Amino acid sequence: MSYCYGGYGYGGNSYGNNFALIVVLFILLIIVGAAFYC
């Protein structure tokens, strides 16, 4: 398995890049949601 950090994949795995990007976006949604609800 390739390890991805900051959206850059090591090992040439584009799926890993997409997965890392989705995780980052999900975390940003949680932070923004918490800011609005609090």
Protein backbone atom coordinates (compact mmCIF):
# COMPACT_ATOMS: atom_id res chain seq x y z
CA MET A 1 0.00 0.00 0.00
CA SER A 2 1.22 3.46 -0.83
CA TYR A 3 1.35 6.10 1.86
CA CYS A 4 -0.18 9.47 1.06
CA TYR A 5 0.41 12.77 2.80
CA GLY A 6 -1.02 16.16 1.91
CA GLY A 7 -2.64 14.77 -1.24
CA TYR A 8 0.68 13.59 -2.71
CA GLY A 9 0.90 9.85 -3.20
CA TYR A 10 4.12 7.89 -2.77
CA GLY A 11 4.10 4.83 -5.01
CA GLY A 12 2.11 6.20 -7.96
CA ASN A 13 -1.30 5.34 -6.53
CA SER A 14 -3.92 7.79 -7.79
CA TYR A 15 -6.61 6.14 -5.64
CA GLY A 16 -4.53 6.96 -2.57
CA ASN A 17 -4.38 10.59 -3.67
CA ASN A 18 -8.15 10.75 -4.02
CA PHE A 19 -8.66 9.06 -0.65
CA ALA A 20 -6.35 11.53 1.10
CA LEU A 21 -8.15 14.45 -0.56
CA ILE A 22 -11.55 13.14 0.56
CA VAL A 23 -10.29 12.73 4.14
CA VAL A 24 -8.96 16.30 4.18
CA LEU A 25 -12.23 17.68 2.80
CA PHE A 26 -14.21 15.69 5.37
CA ILE A 27 -12.10 17.11 8.22
CA LEU A 28 -12.56 20.63 6.86
CA LEU A 29 -16.33 20.09 6.75
CA ILE A 30 -16.30 19.04 10.41
CA ILE A 31 -14.27 22.12 11.40
CA VAL A 32 -16.50 24.50 9.42
CA GLY A 33 -19.65 22.80 10.72
CA ALA A 34 -18.45 23.08 14.32
CA ALA A 35 -17.65 26.77 13.78
CA PHE A 36 -21.18 27.46 12.53
CA TYR A 37 -23.01 25.36 15.11
CA CYS A 38 -20.97 26.72 18.01
